[in-house]
Amino acid sequence: MTFAQKGAIAIAALILGIALTKIGFEPNQVQTEETLAGLKFLMSWIPLTGVCLSFVLVYFYPIDKAFHEKLIQDIQEKRLLNE
């Protein structure tokens, strides 16, 4: 696992901890209706937003079939030069 991955996991855990504190989550306790609504929001709308954002980013990613073929050709040329 790279340093960037470990850092991202740590930041995600920090943000989740802050979010759980903000919605009033108490471990090993019966949760209030507001806390349950907050948990439902955290577990549904936030991931859905991330998925939609990733769809937008993939849609505008500049690799099409012609660009992909050029990349493959460049890789093959570099392999031939290194042999």
N, C-alpha and C. Protein backbone atom coordinates (compact mmCIF):
# COMPACT_ATOMS: atom_id res chain seq x y z
N MET A 1 0.85 -1.17 0.00
CA MET A 1 0.00 0.00 0.00
C MET A 1 0.90 1.23 0.00
N THR A 2 0.58 2.20 -0.84
CA THR A 2 1.41 3.39 -0.95
C THR A 2 1.10 4.39 0.15
N PHE A 3 2.00 5.34 0.29
CA PHE A 3 1.80 6.39 1.28
C PHE A 3 0.54 7.19 0.98
N ALA A 4 0.28 7.45 -0.30
CA ALA A 4 -0.91 8.21 -0.69
C ALA A 4 -2.19 7.46 -0.30
N GLN A 5 -2.20 6.14 -0.50
CA GLN A 5 -3.37 5.35 -0.12
C GLN A 5 -3.58 5.38 1.38
N LYS A 6 -2.51 5.22 2.13
CA LYS A 6 -2.62 5.26 3.59
C LYS A 6 -3.09 6.63 4.06
N GLY A 7 -2.59 7.67 3.43
CA GLY A 7 -3.02 9.02 3.77
C GLY A 7 -4.49 9.25 3.46
N ALA A 8 -4.93 8.74 2.31
CA ALA A 8 -6.34 8.89 1.93
C ALA A 8 -7.25 8.14 2.89
N ILE A 9 -6.84 6.95 3.32
CA ILE A 9 -7.63 6.18 4.28
C ILE A 9 -7.71 6.93 5.61
N ALA A 10 -6.59 7.50 6.05
CA ALA A 10 -6.58 8.25 7.30
C ALA A 10 -7.49 9.47 7.24
N ILE A 11 -7.44 10.19 6.11
CA ILE A 11 -8.29 11.37 5.95
C ILE A 11 -9.76 10.97 5.90
N ALA A 12 -10.06 9.88 5.21
CA ALA A 12 -11.44 9.40 5.14
C ALA A 12 -11.96 9.01 6.53
N ALA A 13 -11.12 8.35 7.32
CA ALA A 13 -11.51 7.96 8.67
C ALA A 13 -11.75 9.20 9.54
N LEU A 14 -10.91 10.20 9.39
CA LEU A 14 -11.09 11.45 10.13
C LEU A 14 -12.41 12.13 9.77
N ILE A 15 -12.68 12.22 8.47
CA ILE A 15 -13.92 12.86 8.02
C ILE A 15 -15.13 12.07 8.50
N LEU A 16 -15.06 10.75 8.43
CA LEU A 16 -16.17 9.92 8.92
C LEU A 16 -16.38 10.12 10.41
N GLY A 17 -15.31 10.17 11.17
CA GLY A 17 -15.43 10.41 12.62
C GLY A 17 -16.09 11.74 12.92
N ILE A 18 -15.68 12.77 12.20
CA ILE A 18 -16.29 14.09 12.39
C ILE A 18 -17.76 14.05 12.01
N ALA A 19 -18.09 13.40 10.89
CA ALA A 19 -19.49 13.32 10.45
C ALA A 19 -20.34 12.58 11.47
N LEU A 20 -19.82 11.47 11.99
CA LEU A 20 -20.58 10.71 12.99
C LEU A 20 -20.79 11.52 14.26
N THR A 21 -19.81 12.29 14.64
CA THR A 21 -19.95 13.16 15.82
C THR A 21 -21.01 14.23 15.57
N LYS A 22 -20.98 14.82 14.36
CA LYS A 22 -21.94 15.89 14.02
C LYS A 22 -23.39 15.39 14.04
N ILE A 23 -23.62 14.14 13.60
CA ILE A 23 -25.01 13.65 13.57
C ILE A 23 -25.44 13.08 14.91
N GLY A 24 -24.53 13.05 15.89
CA GLY A 24 -24.90 12.62 17.23
C GLY A 24 -24.81 11.12 17.46
N PHE A 25 -23.99 10.43 16.69
CA PHE A 25 -23.85 8.99 16.85
C PHE A 25 -23.17 8.66 18.17
N GLU A 26 -23.76 7.73 18.92
CA GLU A 26 -23.19 7.22 20.16
C GLU A 26 -23.08 5.71 20.04
N PRO A 27 -21.86 5.17 20.07
CA PRO A 27 -21.71 3.71 19.92
C PRO A 27 -22.36 2.95 21.08
N ASN A 28 -22.89 1.78 20.75
CA ASN A 28 -23.51 0.88 21.73
C ASN A 28 -24.68 1.50 22.47
N GLN A 29 -25.38 2.41 21.81
CA GLN A 29 -26.57 3.06 22.38
C GLN A 29 -27.70 3.00 21.36
N VAL A 30 -28.92 3.17 21.84
CA VAL A 30 -30.05 3.29 20.93
C VAL A 30 -29.96 4.67 20.30
N GLN A 31 -30.04 4.71 18.98
CA GLN A 31 -29.86 5.97 18.26
C GLN A 31 -31.19 6.71 18.12
N THR A 32 -31.11 8.05 18.13
CA THR A 32 -32.30 8.86 17.94
C THR A 32 -32.72 8.84 16.47
N GLU A 33 -33.92 9.31 16.20
CA GLU A 33 -34.41 9.38 14.83
C GLU A 33 -33.54 10.30 13.97
N GLU A 34 -33.08 11.40 14.56
CA GLU A 34 -32.22 12.32 13.82
C GLU A 34 -30.89 11.65 13.45
N THR A 35 -30.35 10.89 14.41
CA THR A 35 -29.10 10.19 14.15
C THR A 35 -29.28 9.13 13.07
N LEU A 36 -30.39 8.40 13.13
CA LEU A 36 -30.66 7.39 12.11
C LEU A 36 -30.82 8.03 10.73
N ALA A 37 -31.49 9.17 10.68
CA ALA A 37 -31.64 9.89 9.40
C ALA A 37 -30.26 10.33 8.90
N GLY A 38 -29.41 10.80 9.80
CA GLY A 38 -28.06 11.19 9.42
C GLY A 38 -27.24 10.02 8.91
N LEU A 39 -27.39 8.86 9.55
CA LEU A 39 -26.68 7.66 9.10
C LEU A 39 -27.16 7.23 7.71
N LYS A 40 -28.46 7.29 7.50
CA LYS A 40 -29.01 6.95 6.18
C LYS A 40 -28.45 7.89 5.11
N PHE A 41 -28.33 9.18 5.46
CA PHE A 41 -27.76 10.14 4.53
C PHE A 41 -26.31 9.80 4.23
N LEU A 42 -25.53 9.53 5.28
CA LEU A 42 -24.11 9.20 5.10
C LEU A 42 -23.91 7.95 4.26
N MET A 43 -24.80 6.98 4.41
CA MET A 43 -24.62 5.70 3.73
C MET A 43 -25.29 5.64 2.37
N SER A 44 -26.05 6.67 1.99
CA SER A 44 -26.71 6.61 0.68
C SER A 44 -26.36 7.80 -0.20
N TRP A 45 -26.64 8.99 0.23
CA TRP A 45 -26.48 10.15 -0.66
C TRP A 45 -25.03 10.53 -0.90
N ILE A 46 -24.20 10.39 0.10
CA ILE A 46 -22.79 10.75 -0.10
C ILE A 46 -22.12 9.78 -1.08
N PRO A 47 -22.27 8.44 -0.93
CA PRO A 47 -21.69 7.56 -1.96
C PRO A 47 -22.31 7.76 -3.34
N LEU A 48 -23.62 8.02 -3.39
CA LEU A 48 -24.27 8.25 -4.67
C LEU A 48 -23.69 9.49 -5.35
N THR A 49 -23.42 10.51 -4.59
CA THR A 49 -22.80 11.72 -5.13
C THR A 49 -21.41 11.40 -5.70
N GLY A 50 -20.65 10.58 -4.98
CA GLY A 50 -19.33 10.18 -5.45
C GLY A 50 -19.39 9.38 -6.75
N VAL A 51 -20.36 8.48 -6.84
CA VAL A 51 -20.51 7.69 -8.07
C VAL A 51 -20.89 8.58 -9.25
N CYS A 52 -21.82 9.50 -9.02
CA CYS A 52 -22.22 10.41 -10.10
C CYS A 52 -21.05 11.29 -10.53
N LEU A 53 -20.27 11.76 -9.58
CA LEU A 53 -19.09 12.56 -9.92
C LEU A 53 -18.09 11.74 -10.72
N SER A 54 -17.90 10.48 -10.37
CA SER A 54 -16.97 9.64 -11.13
C SER A 54 -17.48 9.39 -12.54
N PHE A 55 -18.80 9.25 -12.72
CA PHE A 55 -19.35 9.09 -14.06
C PHE A 55 -19.06 10.32 -14.92
N VAL A 56 -19.22 11.49 -14.33
CA VAL A 56 -18.94 12.74 -15.06
C VAL A 56 -17.46 12.80 -15.45
N LEU A 57 -16.57 12.47 -14.51
CA LEU A 57 -15.14 12.51 -14.80
C LEU A 57 -14.76 11.50 -15.88
N VAL A 58 -15.32 10.31 -15.84
CA VAL A 58 -15.01 9.29 -16.85
C VAL A 58 -15.55 9.72 -18.21
N TYR A 59 -16.72 10.34 -18.22
CA TYR A 59 -17.31 10.77 -19.48
C TYR A 59 -16.41 11.79 -20.20
N PHE A 60 -15.80 12.68 -19.42
CA PHE A 60 -14.97 13.72 -20.02
C PHE A 60 -13.50 13.33 -20.09
N TYR A 61 -13.15 12.09 -19.71
CA TYR A 61 -11.76 11.65 -19.79
C TYR A 61 -11.36 11.55 -21.26
N PRO A 62 -10.21 12.09 -21.64
CA PRO A 62 -9.92 12.27 -23.07
C PRO A 62 -9.40 11.04 -23.81
N ILE A 63 -9.70 9.84 -23.36
CA ILE A 63 -9.22 8.67 -24.09
C ILE A 63 -10.38 8.10 -24.92
N ASP A 64 -10.20 8.14 -26.25
CA ASP A 64 -11.15 7.50 -27.15
C ASP A 64 -10.43 6.34 -27.84
N LYS A 65 -11.09 5.71 -28.76
CA LYS A 65 -10.51 4.53 -29.41
C LYS A 65 -9.21 4.86 -30.15
N ALA A 66 -9.19 5.98 -30.88
CA ALA A 66 -7.99 6.36 -31.64
C ALA A 66 -6.83 6.67 -30.70
N PHE A 67 -7.10 7.37 -29.60
CA PHE A 67 -6.05 7.70 -28.64
C PHE A 67 -5.51 6.43 -27.98
N HIS A 68 -6.40 5.50 -27.67
CA HIS A 68 -6.00 4.23 -27.07
C HIS A 68 -5.08 3.45 -28.02
N GLU A 69 -5.45 3.39 -29.28
CA GLU A 69 -4.62 2.69 -30.26
C GLU A 69 -3.23 3.33 -30.38
N LYS A 70 -3.19 4.67 -30.33
CA LYS A 70 -1.90 5.37 -30.37
C LYS A 70 -1.07 5.03 -29.14
N LEU A 71 -1.68 4.97 -27.98
CA LEU A 71 -0.95 4.59 -26.76
C LEU A 71 -0.37 3.19 -26.88
N ILE A 72 -1.16 2.25 -27.38
CA ILE A 72 -0.67 0.87 -27.56
C ILE A 72 0.50 0.84 -28.53
N GLN A 73 0.39 1.59 -29.61
CA GLN A 73 1.47 1.64 -30.60
C GLN A 73 2.73 2.23 -29.98
N ASP A 74 2.61 3.30 -29.21
CA ASP A 74 3.77 3.91 -28.56
C ASP A 74 4.44 2.94 -27.59
N ILE A 75 3.64 2.19 -26.83
CA ILE A 75 4.19 1.21 -25.89
C ILE A 75 4.95 0.13 -26.64
N GLN A 76 4.37 -0.36 -27.73
CA GLN A 76 5.04 -1.40 -28.51
C GLN A 76 6.35 -0.88 -29.11
N GLU A 77 6.36 0.35 -29.58
CA GLU A 77 7.59 0.93 -30.13
C GLU A 77 8.67 1.05 -29.06
N LYS A 78 8.29 1.45 -27.85
CA LYS A 78 9.27 1.56 -26.77
C LYS A 78 9.81 0.19 -26.37
N ARG A 79 8.97 -0.82 -26.40
CA ARG A 79 9.42 -2.17 -26.09
C ARG A 79 10.44 -2.65 -27.12
N LEU A 80 10.18 -2.35 -28.40
CA LEU A 80 11.11 -2.76 -29.46
C LEU A 80 12.46 -2.04 -29.32
N LEU A 81 12.42 -0.78 -28.92
CA LEU A 81 13.67 -0.03 -28.75
C LEU A 81 14.49 -0.55 -27.57
N ASN A 82 13.82 -1.06 -26.55
CA ASN A 82 14.52 -1.55 -25.36
C ASN A 82 15.07 -2.97 -25.53
N GLU A 83 14.69 -3.66 -26.57
CA GLU A 83 15.16 -5.04 -26.77
C GLU A 83 16.53 -5.09 -27.36
